[in-house]
Protein backbone atom coordinates (compact mmCIF):
# COMPACT_ATOMS: atom_id res chain seq x y z
CA MET A 1 -47.27 -43.58 -20.29
CA THR A 2 -48.89 -41.53 -22.94
CA HIS A 3 -47.76 -40.86 -26.74
CA VAL A 4 -49.44 -37.76 -28.55
CA LEU A 5 -49.68 -36.94 -31.59
CA TYR A 6 -49.70 -32.95 -31.49
CA ILE A 7 -51.42 -30.90 -34.19
CA LEU A 8 -50.43 -27.47 -34.36
CA MET A 9 -53.39 -25.69 -36.61
CA ARG A 10 -53.20 -22.48 -38.14
CA ASN A 11 -56.05 -19.80 -36.67
CA ASP A 12 -54.37 -16.81 -39.34
CA ILE A 13 -56.07 -18.16 -42.34
CA ALA A 14 -59.29 -16.35 -42.74
CA SER A 15 -60.74 -19.12 -44.98
CA MET A 16 -59.79 -22.07 -42.37
CA ASN A 17 -63.31 -22.66 -41.59
CA PRO A 18 -63.80 -25.92 -39.24
CA GLY A 19 -64.36 -28.43 -42.25
CA LYS A 20 -61.08 -27.48 -43.52
CA ALA A 21 -59.09 -27.13 -40.29
CA MET A 22 -60.70 -31.07 -39.82
CA ALA A 23 -59.77 -31.86 -43.31
CA GLN A 24 -55.84 -30.25 -42.46
CA ALA A 25 -55.75 -32.09 -39.36
CA SER A 26 -56.53 -35.31 -40.98
CA HIS A 27 -53.65 -34.87 -43.54
CA ALA A 28 -51.24 -34.30 -40.63
CA SER A 29 -52.05 -37.44 -39.11
CA ASN A 30 -51.45 -39.23 -42.26
CA ALA A 31 -48.84 -37.40 -43.16
CA PHE A 32 -46.96 -38.43 -39.77
CA ILE A 33 -48.07 -42.05 -40.52
CA HIS A 34 -46.89 -42.38 -43.91
CA ARG A 35 -43.20 -40.58 -42.99
CA THR A 36 -42.50 -42.83 -39.74
CA ASP A 37 -40.85 -45.14 -41.86
CA ALA A 38 -38.28 -43.22 -43.84
CA TYR A 39 -38.07 -41.19 -40.58
CA ILE A 40 -36.67 -44.39 -38.58
CA ARG A 41 -34.38 -45.41 -41.65
CA SER A 42 -32.80 -41.95 -41.66
CA PHE A 43 -31.65 -42.62 -38.11
CA VAL A 44 -30.61 -46.42 -38.71
CA ASN A 45 -28.87 -44.82 -42.18
CA ARG A 46 -26.62 -42.89 -39.45
CA GLY A 47 -26.15 -45.94 -36.90
CA VAL A 48 -28.46 -44.53 -34.39
CA MET A 49 -30.52 -47.30 -32.28
CA ILE A 50 -33.75 -45.88 -32.34
CA GLU A 51 -36.18 -49.22 -31.25
CA ASP A 52 -37.94 -47.03 -28.77
CA LEU A 53 -39.32 -44.46 -31.27
CA ASN A 54 -40.47 -47.55 -33.48
CA ARG A 55 -42.30 -49.08 -30.18
CA TYR A 56 -43.43 -46.01 -29.27
CA VAL A 57 -45.17 -45.29 -32.36
CA ASN A 58 -46.75 -48.77 -32.36
CA GLU A 59 -47.70 -48.34 -28.95
CA TRP A 60 -49.54 -44.98 -30.26
CA GLN A 61 -51.17 -47.00 -33.09
CA ASN A 62 -52.45 -49.57 -30.90
CA GLU A 63 -53.96 -47.26 -28.14
CA THR A 64 -57.25 -48.07 -29.72
CA SER A 65 -58.16 -51.14 -31.88
CA TYR A 66 -58.61 -48.51 -34.81
CA GLY A 67 -54.99 -47.99 -35.01
CA PHE A 68 -54.59 -44.47 -33.76
CA GLY A 69 -53.60 -42.89 -30.27
CA THR A 70 -54.20 -39.52 -28.29
CA VAL A 71 -54.22 -36.85 -30.90
CA LEU A 72 -54.18 -32.78 -29.69
CA VAL A 73 -55.04 -30.21 -31.72
CA LEU A 74 -53.43 -26.80 -30.66
CA GLU A 75 -54.08 -23.53 -32.47
CA GLY A 76 -51.49 -20.51 -33.37
CA ARG A 77 -49.80 -18.42 -36.22
CA MET A 78 -47.28 -20.41 -38.84
CA SER A 79 -44.76 -17.59 -37.76
CA GLU A 80 -44.74 -19.19 -34.21
CA PHE A 81 -45.05 -22.93 -35.58
CA LYS A 82 -41.82 -23.12 -37.75
CA PRO A 83 -39.23 -21.96 -35.11
CA ILE A 84 -40.90 -24.30 -32.80
CA ILE A 85 -40.79 -27.32 -35.76
CA ARG A 86 -37.16 -26.29 -36.02
CA THR A 87 -36.44 -26.87 -32.66
CA PHE A 88 -38.37 -30.43 -32.32
CA LYS A 89 -36.37 -31.53 -35.65
CA ALA A 90 -33.21 -30.28 -34.28
CA LEU A 91 -33.72 -32.51 -31.10
CA GLU A 92 -34.78 -35.17 -33.36
CA TYR A 93 -38.36 -35.54 -32.57
CA MET A 94 -41.00 -36.63 -35.48
CA ALA A 95 -42.17 -33.06 -36.69
CA ASP A 96 -43.06 -31.42 -40.06
CA VAL A 97 -44.93 -28.66 -41.69
CA ILE A 98 -48.17 -29.70 -44.02
CA VAL A 99 -48.36 -28.28 -46.94
CA ASP A 100 -51.63 -28.78 -49.02
CA PRO A 101 -50.79 -28.37 -52.69
CA THR A 102 -54.23 -27.50 -53.46
CA TYR A 103 -55.88 -25.52 -50.49
CA PRO A 104 -59.04 -23.64 -51.73
CA ILE A 105 -59.62 -20.24 -51.91
CA LEU A 106 -62.81 -18.83 -53.08
CA ASP A 107 -61.97 -15.27 -54.70
CA GLY A 108 -65.83 -14.15 -55.93
CA GLU A 109 -67.34 -17.03 -58.19
CA VAL A 110 -63.75 -18.46 -58.75
CA VAL A 111 -62.07 -21.19 -56.83
CA HIS A 112 -58.13 -21.07 -56.74
CA HIS A 113 -56.30 -24.01 -55.56
CA VAL A 114 -52.90 -22.70 -53.94
CA ASN A 115 -49.95 -24.22 -52.23
CA LEU A 116 -50.16 -23.65 -48.51
CA GLU A 117 -48.84 -24.50 -45.11
CA THR A 118 -51.63 -25.42 -43.35
CA CYS A 119 -50.74 -26.92 -39.98
CA ALA A 120 -47.78 -28.53 -38.37
CA TYR A 121 -47.19 -31.60 -36.42
CA VAL A 122 -44.86 -33.32 -33.71
CA PHE A 123 -44.88 -36.77 -31.77
CA VAL A 124 -44.02 -36.71 -28.62
CA PRO A 125 -43.51 -39.89 -26.90
CA ASN A 126 -43.91 -40.12 -23.03
CA LYS A 127 -45.96 -36.82 -22.72
CA GLU A 128 -46.02 -36.90 -19.25
CA THR A 129 -42.10 -36.95 -18.62
CA ASP A 130 -41.15 -34.59 -21.34
CA ASP A 131 -40.53 -31.11 -19.69
CA THR A 132 -38.94 -30.07 -23.13
CA ALA A 133 -41.83 -30.66 -25.28
CA SER A 134 -44.01 -29.20 -22.31
CA MET A 135 -41.78 -25.95 -22.60
CA LEU A 136 -42.55 -25.63 -26.43
CA LEU A 137 -45.98 -26.38 -26.66
CA ARG A 138 -47.79 -25.14 -23.62
CA ARG A 139 -48.19 -21.07 -25.27
CA PHE A 140 -50.53 -22.91 -27.86
CA PRO A 141 -54.32 -23.13 -26.88
CA LEU A 142 -56.43 -26.06 -27.58
CA HIS A 143 -58.29 -25.28 -31.31
CA LYS A 144 -61.55 -24.26 -30.81
């Protein structure tokens, strides 16, 4: 059973060089872990039993002795990602759009720091048996 954290990286930002993309993917992984407890509490507060999700996240973290599991980075446009993320959220997957409040954009010799949606993530437990996630994500290629 493979649990996968998918990161959906934008390929429609001219200034998104490989280094910035790696930084944004790191932000997405950290946001996923940071938001896990709050996400689980929101379900418990509604009376939903989600021991499985907590177990899946723990299994994902324990795939290695370094505290992380399988991550796949796909690419596409934010306009394609947003409806996918809304669908995943409606189906109660852990999914969200990442906003970098200080994304750097060079304008001549001046660097502006802007609030920008850079990527998104979705956590898919049991990837091999999840036909819904496969259907929603298969159109996005691996990030280059």
